[in-house]
Amino acid sequence: MLTIASRVEVMNRLGRAMADPTRSRILLSLLAEPGYPAKLARDLGLTRTNVSNHLSCLRGCGLVVAEPEGRQTRYEIADPHLTAALTALVDVTLAVDESAPCPDPDCSIPGCCAATEATR
């Protein structure tokens, strides 16, 4: 059973992981597909050392896992539930941003832009 203290620790790990813009960019990239440090560095315009350091932090926070593939290491989000949760977190954050359209065209949340427009 999760106690308040253990829930706080989980929230702190998640916050630490997402507090850095580079780690957030890496997480968003890994939400789209698994990645390799060299490709992530190239795609994000970062150094391999920088990417490796951030991946190490994300592993330590329990958000990503490393899968050895011969001489390379593939990184991916640690669990499909985490992928769904991170995607939902981004979507809900966009949904409450009044300057951004609701990302869910089938949204039924009262007060949301799509739900509000449907009742007009």
Protein backbone atom coordinates (compact mmCIF):
# COMPACT_ATOMS: atom_id res chain seq x y z
CA MET A 1 0.00 0.00 0.00
CA LEU A 2 1.33 3.42 -0.94
CA THR A 3 1.60 5.82 1.95
CA ILE A 4 1.53 9.59 1.64
CA ALA A 5 5.31 9.62 2.09
CA SER A 6 5.88 7.12 -0.71
CA ARG A 7 3.47 9.04 -2.99
CA VAL A 8 5.38 12.24 -2.25
CA GLU A 9 8.63 10.49 -3.18
CA VAL A 10 7.10 9.36 -6.49
CA MET A 11 5.88 12.90 -7.21
CA ASN A 12 9.33 14.29 -6.37
CA ARG A 13 11.02 11.84 -8.75
CA LEU A 14 8.58 12.73 -11.52
CA GLY A 15 9.02 16.45 -10.87
CA ARG A 16 12.81 16.16 -10.85
CA ALA A 17 12.72 14.30 -14.15
CA MET A 18 10.44 16.79 -15.88
CA ALA A 19 11.86 19.98 -14.31
CA ASP A 20 14.71 20.14 -16.80
CA PRO A 21 13.80 21.21 -20.36
CA THR A 22 16.35 18.82 -21.90
CA ARG A 23 14.96 15.85 -19.97
CA SER A 24 11.44 16.87 -21.00
CA ARG A 25 12.52 16.95 -24.65
CA ILE A 26 14.10 13.51 -24.30
CA LEU A 27 10.95 12.15 -22.62
CA LEU A 28 8.73 13.55 -25.39
CA SER A 29 10.99 11.95 -27.99
CA LEU A 30 10.87 8.61 -26.18
CA LEU A 31 7.07 8.85 -25.92
CA ALA A 32 7.02 8.82 -29.72
CA GLU A 33 9.45 5.91 -30.08
CA PRO A 34 12.39 4.19 -28.36
CA GLY A 35 15.70 5.92 -28.95
CA TYR A 36 19.45 5.58 -28.93
CA PRO A 37 21.72 8.19 -27.31
CA ALA A 38 23.50 9.12 -30.56
CA LYS A 39 20.24 9.54 -32.47
CA LEU A 40 18.61 11.47 -29.62
CA ALA A 41 21.65 13.77 -29.49
CA ARG A 42 21.51 14.35 -33.23
CA ASP A 43 17.73 14.85 -33.36
CA LEU A 44 17.67 17.20 -30.35
CA GLY A 45 20.85 19.10 -31.19
CA LEU A 46 22.65 17.99 -28.04
CA THR A 47 25.96 16.31 -27.26
CA ARG A 48 26.02 12.58 -26.62
CA THR A 49 27.50 13.21 -23.18
CA ASN A 50 24.66 15.58 -22.31
CA VAL A 51 22.04 13.07 -23.51
CA SER A 52 23.71 10.22 -21.62
CA ASN A 53 23.75 12.25 -18.40
CA HIS A 54 20.06 13.09 -18.74
CA LEU A 55 19.16 9.49 -19.62
CA SER A 56 20.99 8.39 -16.48
CA CYS A 57 18.83 10.77 -14.43
CA LEU A 58 15.65 9.53 -16.13
CA ARG A 59 16.69 5.93 -15.39
CA GLY A 60 17.37 6.83 -11.77
CA CYS A 61 13.90 8.40 -11.55
CA GLY A 62 12.41 5.15 -12.89
CA LEU A 63 10.93 6.71 -16.02
CA VAL A 64 13.08 5.05 -18.68
CA VAL A 65 14.83 1.71 -19.05
CA ALA A 66 17.93 0.80 -21.00
CA GLU A 67 17.91 -2.28 -23.23
CA PRO A 68 21.31 -3.44 -24.50
CA GLU A 69 21.37 -4.29 -28.20
CA GLY A 70 24.83 -5.50 -29.12
CA ARG A 71 27.14 -2.48 -28.90
CA GLN A 72 24.23 -0.03 -28.61
CA THR A 73 21.71 0.69 -25.89
CA ARG A 74 18.08 1.41 -26.67
CA TYR A 75 16.13 3.61 -24.26
CA GLU A 76 12.39 3.54 -23.85
CA ILE A 77 9.72 4.61 -21.39
CA ALA A 78 9.78 2.13 -18.50
CA ASP A 79 6.17 0.97 -18.75
CA PRO A 80 3.19 1.40 -21.09
CA HIS A 81 1.15 2.77 -18.16
CA LEU A 82 3.75 5.50 -17.75
CA THR A 83 3.55 6.30 -21.47
CA ALA A 84 -0.22 6.70 -21.19
CA ALA A 85 0.09 8.78 -18.02
CA LEU A 86 2.75 11.13 -19.42
CA THR A 87 0.74 11.57 -22.63
CA ALA A 88 -2.38 12.30 -20.59
CA LEU A 89 -0.46 14.77 -18.42
CA VAL A 90 0.70 16.70 -21.49
CA ASP A 91 -2.82 16.59 -22.97
CA VAL A 92 -4.53 17.81 -19.78
CA THR A 93 -1.96 20.59 -19.39
CA LEU A 94 -2.73 21.71 -22.93
CA ALA A 95 -6.46 21.41 -22.25
CA VAL A 96 -6.30 23.91 -19.38
CA ASP A 97 -4.20 26.32 -21.47
CA GLU A 98 -6.78 28.75 -22.79
CA SER A 99 -4.58 29.67 -25.74
CA ALA A 100 -4.35 26.05 -26.96
CA PRO A 101 -7.18 24.02 -28.47
CA CYS A 102 -8.31 20.90 -26.64
CA PRO A 103 -6.25 17.97 -27.98
CA ASP A 104 -9.21 15.57 -27.65
CA PRO A 105 -11.86 16.09 -30.35
CA ASP A 106 -14.23 13.77 -28.44
CA CYS A 107 -13.77 15.56 -25.12
CA SER A 108 -16.83 15.44 -22.86
CA ILE A 109 -15.35 17.32 -19.89
CA PRO A 110 -17.76 20.11 -18.83
CA GLY A 111 -16.20 23.53 -19.36
CA CYS A 112 -13.65 22.33 -21.87
CA CYS A 113 -13.53 24.12 -25.21
CA ALA A 114 -14.87 21.17 -27.24
CA ALA A 115 -17.57 20.31 -24.69
CA THR A 116 -18.55 23.98 -24.41
CA GLU A 117 -18.79 24.38 -28.19
CA ALA A 118 -20.94 21.23 -28.46
CA THR A 119 -23.55 22.70 -26.12
CA ARG A 120 -23.84 25.99 -28.03
